[in-house]
Amino acid sequence: KIISHTVDPKRDTPEAMKAYAERIGAD
């Protein structure tokens, strides 16, 4: 597995992280 933790929780909401994952092609 791969686990990425944000250091910017104020802006990196679940929705923002999901959009980021889709943008970079993360499975």
PDB file of all heavy atoms in Angstrom:
ATOM      1  N   LYS A   1       0.838  -1.198   0.000  1.00  0.00           N
ATOM      2  CA  LYS A   1       0.000   0.000   0.000  1.00  0.00           C
ATOM      3  C   LYS A   1       0.874   1.249   0.000  1.00  0.00           C
ATOM      4  O   LYS A   1       2.063   1.200   0.297  1.00  0.00           O
ATOM      5  CB  LYS A   1      -0.907   0.038   1.237  1.00  0.00           C
ATOM      6  CG  LYS A   1      -2.176  -0.791   1.108  1.00  0.00           C
ATOM      7  CD  LYS A   1      -3.140  -0.524   2.254  1.00  0.00           C
ATOM      8  CE  LYS A   1      -3.730   0.866   2.222  1.00  0.00           C
ATOM      9  NZ  LYS A   1      -4.692   1.058   1.105  1.00  0.00           N
ATOM     10  N   ILE A   2       0.244   2.368  -0.310  1.00  0.00           N
ATOM     11  CA  ILE A   2       0.870   3.685  -0.227  1.00  0.00           C
ATOM     12  C   ILE A   2      -0.021   4.558   0.652  1.00  0.00           C
ATOM     13  O   ILE A   2      -1.241   4.570   0.492  1.00  0.00           O
ATOM     14  CB  ILE A   2       1.014   4.317  -1.622  1.00  0.00           C
ATOM     15  CG1 ILE A   2       1.919   3.462  -2.520  1.00  0.00           C
ATOM     16  CG2 ILE A   2       1.560   5.737  -1.515  1.00  0.00           C
ATOM     17  CD1 ILE A   2       1.895   3.878  -3.983  1.00  0.00           C
ATOM     18  N   ILE A   3       0.601   5.283   1.588  1.00  0.00           N
ATOM     19  CA  ILE A   3      -0.143   6.174   2.478  1.00  0.00           C
ATOM     20  C   ILE A   3       0.481   7.568   2.396  1.00  0.00           C
ATOM     21  O   ILE A   3       1.656   7.746   2.727  1.00  0.00           O
ATOM     22  CB  ILE A   3      -0.099   5.691   3.946  1.00  0.00           C
ATOM     23  CG1 ILE A   3      -0.564   4.236   4.069  1.00  0.00           C
ATOM     24  CG2 ILE A   3      -0.945   6.624   4.825  1.00  0.00           C
ATOM     25  CD1 ILE A   3      -2.025   4.019   3.800  1.00  0.00           C
ATOM     26  N   SER A   4      -0.300   8.551   1.957  1.00  0.00           N
ATOM     27  CA  SER A   4       0.167   9.935   1.896  1.00  0.00           C
ATOM     28  C   SER A   4      -0.607  10.779   2.904  1.00  0.00           C
ATOM     29  O   SER A   4      -1.837  10.786   2.898  1.00  0.00           O
ATOM     30  CB  SER A   4      -0.012  10.505   0.482  1.00  0.00           C
ATOM     31  OG  SER A   4       0.904   9.931  -0.418  1.00  0.00           O
ATOM     32  N   HIS A   5       0.126  11.487   3.757  1.00  0.00           N
ATOM     33  CA  HIS A   5      -0.462  12.323   4.809  1.00  0.00           C
ATOM     34  C   HIS A   5      -0.274  13.795   4.431  1.00  0.00           C
ATOM     35  O   HIS A   5       0.825  14.210   4.072  1.00  0.00           O
ATOM     36  CB  HIS A   5       0.235  12.086   6.150  1.00  0.00           C
ATOM     37  CG  HIS A   5       0.445  10.652   6.512  1.00  0.00           C
ATOM     38  ND1 HIS A   5       1.383   9.850   5.878  1.00  0.00           N
ATOM     39  CD2 HIS A   5      -0.132   9.881   7.467  1.00  0.00           C
ATOM     40  CE1 HIS A   5       1.368   8.643   6.420  1.00  0.00           C
ATOM     41  NE2 HIS A   5       0.457   8.639   7.377  1.00  0.00           N
ATOM     42  N   THR A   6      -1.322  14.584   4.556  1.00  0.00           N
ATOM     43  CA  THR A   6      -1.174  16.000   4.268  1.00  0.00           C
ATOM     44  C   THR A   6      -0.510  16.728   5.436  1.00  0.00           C
ATOM     45  O   THR A   6      -0.684  16.352   6.602  1.00  0.00           O
ATOM     46  CB  THR A   6      -2.524  16.670   3.961  1.00  0.00           C
ATOM     47  OG1 THR A   6      -2.284  18.053   3.644  1.00  0.00           O
ATOM     48  CG2 THR A   6      -3.486  16.596   5.144  1.00  0.00           C
ATOM     49  N   VAL A   7       0.233  17.795   5.111  1.00  0.00           N
ATOM     50  CA  VAL A   7       0.743  18.692   6.150  1.00  0.00           C
ATOM     51  C   VAL A   7      -0.065  19.992   6.156  1.00  0.00           C
ATOM     52  O   VAL A   7       0.253  20.919   6.894  1.00  0.00           O
ATOM     53  CB  VAL A   7       2.249  18.990   5.931  1.00  0.00           C
ATOM     54  CG1 VAL A   7       3.069  17.736   6.069  1.00  0.00           C
ATOM     55  CG2 VAL A   7       2.502  19.656   4.573  1.00  0.00           C
ATOM     56  N   ASP A   8      -1.114  20.041   5.338  1.00  0.00           N
ATOM     57  CA  ASP A   8      -1.951  21.233   5.215  1.00  0.00           C
ATOM     58  C   ASP A   8      -3.425  20.859   5.390  1.00  0.00           C
ATOM     59  O   ASP A   8      -4.224  20.954   4.461  1.00  0.00           O
ATOM     60  CB  ASP A   8      -1.721  21.861   3.832  1.00  0.00           C
ATOM     61  CG  ASP A   8      -2.490  23.162   3.632  1.00  0.00           C
ATOM     62  OD1 ASP A   8      -3.039  23.699   4.623  1.00  0.00           O
ATOM     63  OD2 ASP A   8      -2.551  23.633   2.476  1.00  0.00           O
ATOM     64  N   PRO A   9      -3.802  20.412   6.596  1.00  0.00           N
ATOM     65  CA  PRO A   9      -5.177  19.932   6.787  1.00  0.00           C
ATOM     66  C   PRO A   9      -6.237  21.017   6.631  1.00  0.00           C
ATOM     67  O   PRO A   9      -7.404  20.704   6.362  1.00  0.00           O
ATOM     68  CB  PRO A   9      -5.155  19.375   8.210  1.00  0.00           C
ATOM     69  CG  PRO A   9      -4.031  20.083   8.890  1.00  0.00           C
ATOM     70  CD  PRO A   9      -2.990  20.304   7.826  1.00  0.00           C
ATOM     71  N   LYS A  10      -5.851  22.280   6.769  1.00  0.00           N
ATOM     72  CA  LYS A  10      -6.831  23.364   6.619  1.00  0.00           C
ATOM     73  C   LYS A  10      -7.394  23.383   5.203  1.00  0.00           C
ATOM     74  O   LYS A  10      -8.610  23.548   5.000  1.00  0.00           O
ATOM     75  CB  LYS A  10      -6.176  24.707   6.956  1.00  0.00           C
ATOM     76  CG  LYS A  10      -7.150  25.879   6.891  1.00  0.00           C
ATOM     77  CD  LYS A  10      -6.474  27.174   7.318  1.00  0.00           C
ATOM     78  CE  LYS A  10      -7.449  28.349   7.260  1.00  0.00           C
ATOM     79  NZ  LYS A  10      -6.786  29.628   7.673  1.00  0.00           N
ATOM     80  N   ARG A  11      -6.531  23.226   4.222  1.00  0.00           N
ATOM     81  CA  ARG A  11      -6.977  23.256   2.820  1.00  0.00           C
ATOM     82  C   ARG A  11      -7.202  21.862   2.244  1.00  0.00           C
ATOM     83  O   ARG A  11      -8.034  21.691   1.343  1.00  0.00           O
ATOM     84  CB  ARG A  11      -5.961  24.024   1.959  1.00  0.00           C
ATOM     85  CG  ARG A  11      -5.927  25.509   2.246  1.00  0.00           C
ATOM     86  CD  ARG A  11      -4.995  26.243   1.310  1.00  0.00           C
ATOM     87  NE  ARG A  11      -3.587  25.891   1.552  1.00  0.00           N
ATOM     88  CZ  ARG A  11      -2.570  26.444   0.890  1.00  0.00           C
ATOM     89  NH1 ARG A  11      -2.810  27.335  -0.062  1.00  0.00           N
ATOM     90  NH2 ARG A  11      -1.332  26.091   1.166  1.00  0.00           N
ATOM     91  N   ASP A  12      -6.458  20.882   2.735  1.00  0.00           N
ATOM     92  CA  ASP A  12      -6.589  19.526   2.182  1.00  0.00           C
ATOM     93  C   ASP A  12      -7.718  18.772   2.866  1.00  0.00           C
ATOM     94  O   ASP A  12      -7.519  17.875   3.686  1.00  0.00           O
ATOM     95  CB  ASP A  12      -5.262  18.766   2.313  1.00  0.00           C
ATOM     96  CG  ASP A  12      -4.241  19.236   1.299  1.00  0.00           C
ATOM     97  OD1 ASP A  12      -4.625  19.934   0.338  1.00  0.00           O
ATOM     98  OD2 ASP A  12      -3.051  18.912   1.462  1.00  0.00           O
ATOM     99  N   THR A  13      -8.931  19.168   2.506  1.00  0.00           N
ATOM    100  CA  THR A  13     -10.125  18.465   2.960  1.00  0.00           C
ATOM    101  C   THR A  13     -10.210  17.120   2.240  1.00  0.00           C
ATOM    102  O   THR A  13      -9.482  16.883   1.254  1.00  0.00           O
ATOM    103  CB  THR A  13     -11.370  19.286   2.615  1.00  0.00           C
ATOM    104  OG1 THR A  13     -11.431  19.427   1.179  1.00  0.00           O
ATOM    105  CG2 THR A  13     -11.315  20.663   3.262  1.00  0.00           C
ATOM    106  N   PRO A  14     -11.075  16.216   2.686  1.00  0.00           N
ATOM    107  CA  PRO A  14     -11.248  14.963   1.934  1.00  0.00           C
ATOM    108  C   PRO A  14     -11.562  15.215   0.462  1.00  0.00           C
ATOM    109  O   PRO A  14     -11.035  14.523  -0.416  1.00  0.00           O
ATOM    110  CB  PRO A  14     -12.412  14.283   2.667  1.00  0.00           C
ATOM    111  CG  PRO A  14     -12.285  14.762   4.075  1.00  0.00           C
ATOM    112  CD  PRO A  14     -11.830  16.194   3.958  1.00  0.00           C
ATOM    113  N   GLU A  15     -12.404  16.211   0.183  1.00  0.00           N
ATOM    114  CA  GLU A  15     -12.755  16.513  -1.203  1.00  0.00           C
ATOM    115  C   GLU A  15     -11.531  16.976  -1.990  1.00  0.00           C
ATOM    116  O   GLU A  15     -11.344  16.581  -3.158  1.00  0.00           O
ATOM    117  CB  GLU A  15     -13.837  17.600  -1.248  1.00  0.00           C
ATOM    118  CG  GLU A  15     -15.178  17.186  -0.672  1.00  0.00           C
ATOM    119  CD  GLU A  15     -15.225  17.231   0.858  1.00  0.00           C
ATOM    120  OE1 GLU A  15     -14.278  17.778   1.467  1.00  0.00           O
ATOM    121  OE2 GLU A  15     -16.203  16.711   1.422  1.00  0.00           O
ATOM    122  N   ALA A  16     -10.696  17.806  -1.366  1.00  0.00           N
ATOM    123  CA  ALA A  16      -9.491  18.301  -2.044  1.00  0.00           C
ATOM    124  C   ALA A  16      -8.508  17.166  -2.295  1.00  0.00           C
ATOM    125  O   ALA A  16      -7.874  17.100  -3.351  1.00  0.00           O
ATOM    126  CB  ALA A  16      -8.844  19.402  -1.216  1.00  0.00           C
ATOM    127  N   MET A  17      -8.383  16.265  -1.321  1.00  0.00           N
ATOM    128  CA  MET A  17      -7.465  15.137  -1.501  1.00  0.00           C
ATOM    129  C   MET A  17      -7.969  14.190  -2.576  1.00  0.00           C
ATOM    130  O   MET A  17      -7.182  13.656  -3.360  1.00  0.00           O
ATOM    131  CB  MET A  17      -7.272  14.392  -0.176  1.00  0.00           C
ATOM    132  CG  MET A  17      -6.565  15.180   0.893  1.00  0.00           C
ATOM    133  SD  MET A  17      -6.056  14.152   2.305  1.00  0.00           S
ATOM    134  CE  MET A  17      -7.628  13.440   2.795  1.00  0.00           C
ATOM    135  N   LYS A  18      -9.278  13.986  -2.626  1.00  0.00           N
ATOM    136  CA  LYS A  18      -9.847  13.101  -3.654  1.00  0.00           C
ATOM    137  C   LYS A  18      -9.620  13.688  -5.040  1.00  0.00           C
ATOM    138  O   LYS A  18      -9.258  12.965  -5.991  1.00  0.00           O
ATOM    139  CB  LYS A  18     -11.335  12.897  -3.394  1.00  0.00           C
ATOM    140  CG  LYS A  18     -11.975  11.870  -4.322  1.00  0.00           C
ATOM    141  CD  LYS A  18     -13.395  11.557  -3.891  1.00  0.00           C
ATOM    142  CE  LYS A  18     -14.006  10.467  -4.760  1.00  0.00           C
ATOM    143  NZ  LYS A  18     -15.375  10.109  -4.313  1.00  0.00           N
ATOM    144  N   ALA A  19      -9.796  15.007  -5.159  1.00  0.00           N
ATOM    145  CA  ALA A  19      -9.549  15.663  -6.444  1.00  0.00           C
ATOM    146  C   ALA A  19      -8.071  15.566  -6.822  1.00  0.00           C
ATOM    147  O   ALA A  19      -7.728  15.364  -7.995  1.00  0.00           O
ATOM    148  CB  ALA A  19      -9.989  17.122  -6.374  1.00  0.00           C
ATOM    149  N   TYR A  20      -7.203  15.713  -5.840  1.00  0.00           N
ATOM    150  CA  TYR A  20      -5.758  15.590  -6.080  1.00  0.00           C
ATOM    151  C   TYR A  20      -5.416  14.180  -6.549  1.00  0.00           C
ATOM    152  O   TYR A  20      -4.651  14.004  -7.513  1.00  0.00           O
ATOM    153  CB  TYR A  20      -5.001  15.924  -4.792  1.00  0.00           C
ATOM    154  CG  TYR A  20      -3.506  15.797  -4.896  1.00  0.00           C
ATOM    155  CD1 TYR A  20      -2.744  16.795  -5.492  1.00  0.00           C
ATOM    156  CD2 TYR A  20      -2.841  14.683  -4.374  1.00  0.00           C
ATOM    157  CE1 TYR A  20      -1.361  16.696  -5.577  1.00  0.00           C
ATOM    158  CE2 TYR A  20      -1.465  14.565  -4.458  1.00  0.00           C
ATOM    159  CZ  TYR A  20      -0.727  15.570  -5.057  1.00  0.00           C
ATOM    160  OH  TYR A  20       0.644  15.466  -5.148  1.00  0.00           O
ATOM    161  N   ALA A  21      -5.983  13.182  -5.890  1.00  0.00           N
ATOM    162  CA  ALA A  21      -5.730  11.787  -6.270  1.00  0.00           C
ATOM    163  C   ALA A  21      -6.167  11.533  -7.711  1.00  0.00           C
ATOM    164  O   ALA A  21      -5.451  10.885  -8.486  1.00  0.00           O
ATOM    165  CB  ALA A  21      -6.462  10.845  -5.316  1.00  0.00           C
ATOM    166  N   GLU A  22      -7.320  12.054  -8.078  1.00  0.00           N
ATOM    167  CA  GLU A  22      -7.811  11.884  -9.444  1.00  0.00           C
ATOM    168  C   GLU A  22      -6.903  12.610 -10.436  1.00  0.00           C
ATOM    169  O   GLU A  22      -6.633  12.102 -11.536  1.00  0.00           O
ATOM    170  CB  GLU A  22      -9.246  12.396  -9.557  1.00  0.00           C
ATOM    171  CG  GLU A  22     -10.248  11.545  -8.784  1.00  0.00           C
ATOM    172  CD  GLU A  22     -11.644  12.142  -8.768  1.00  0.00           C
ATOM    173  OE1 GLU A  22     -11.801  13.318  -9.237  1.00  0.00           O
ATOM    174  OE2 GLU A  22     -12.578  11.475  -8.282  1.00  0.00           O
ATOM    175  N   ARG A  23      -6.428  13.776 -10.039  1.00  0.00           N
ATOM    176  CA  ARG A  23      -5.601  14.586 -10.940  1.00  0.00           C
ATOM    177  C   ARG A  23      -4.274  13.908 -11.266  1.00  0.00           C
ATOM    178  O   ARG A  23      -3.801  13.965 -12.411  1.00  0.00           O
ATOM    179  CB  ARG A  23      -5.354  15.959 -10.312  1.00  0.00           C
ATOM    180  CG  ARG A  23      -4.631  16.944 -11.212  1.00  0.00           C
ATOM    181  CD  ARG A  23      -4.739  18.355 -10.690  1.00  0.00           C
ATOM    182  NE  ARG A  23      -3.937  18.608  -9.507  1.00  0.00           N
ATOM    183  CZ  ARG A  23      -4.433  18.858  -8.301  1.00  0.00           C
ATOM    184  NH1 ARG A  23      -5.747  18.863  -8.123  1.00  0.00           N
ATOM    185  NH2 ARG A  23      -3.647  19.089  -7.278  1.00  0.00           N
ATOM    186  N   ILE A  24      -3.669  13.243 -10.276  1.00  0.00           N
ATOM    187  CA  ILE A  24      -2.360  12.631 -10.515  1.00  0.00           C
ATOM    188  C   ILE A  24      -2.467  11.186 -10.987  1.00  0.00           C
ATOM    189  O   ILE A  24      -1.463  10.576 -11.365  1.00  0.00           O
ATOM    190  CB  ILE A  24      -1.469  12.701  -9.259  1.00  0.00           C
ATOM    191  CG1 ILE A  24      -2.036  11.837  -8.128  1.00  0.00           C
ATOM    192  CG2 ILE A  24      -1.272  14.145  -8.816  1.00  0.00           C
ATOM    193  CD1 ILE A  24      -1.104  11.712  -6.934  1.00  0.00           C
ATOM    194  N   GLY A  25      -3.671  10.615 -10.960  1.00  0.00           N
ATOM    195  CA  GLY A  25      -3.845   9.239 -11.406  1.00  0.00           C
ATOM    196  C   GLY A  25      -3.593   8.203 -10.335  1.00  0.00           C
ATOM    197  O   GLY A  25      -3.187   7.067 -10.633  1.00  0.00           O
ATOM    198  N   ALA A  26      -3.839   8.556  -9.077  1.00  0.00           N
ATOM    199  CA  ALA A  26      -3.642   7.608  -7.975  1.00  0.00           C
ATOM    200  C   ALA A  26      -4.781   6.588  -7.930  1.00  0.00           C
ATOM    201  O   ALA A  26      -5.949   6.952  -8.080  1.00  0.00           O
ATOM    202  CB  ALA A  26      -3.573   8.357  -6.642  1.00  0.00           C
ATOM    203  N   ASP A  27      -4.439   5.338  -7.719  1.00  0.00           N
ATOM    204  CA  ASP A  27      -5.420   4.270  -7.528  1.00  0.00           C
ATOM    205  C   ASP A  27      -5.730   4.195  -6.039  1.00  0.00           C
ATOM    206  O   ASP A  27      -4.936   3.680  -5.254  1.00  0.00           O
ATOM    207  CB  ASP A  27      -4.847   2.944  -8.027  1.00  0.00           C
ATOM    208  CG  ASP A  27      -5.783   1.765  -7.783  1.00  0.00           C
ATOM    209  OD1 ASP A  27      -6.882   1.978  -7.233  1.00  0.00           O
ATOM    210  OD2 ASP A  27      -5.393   0.628  -8.122  1.00  0.00           O
TER     211      ASP A  27
END
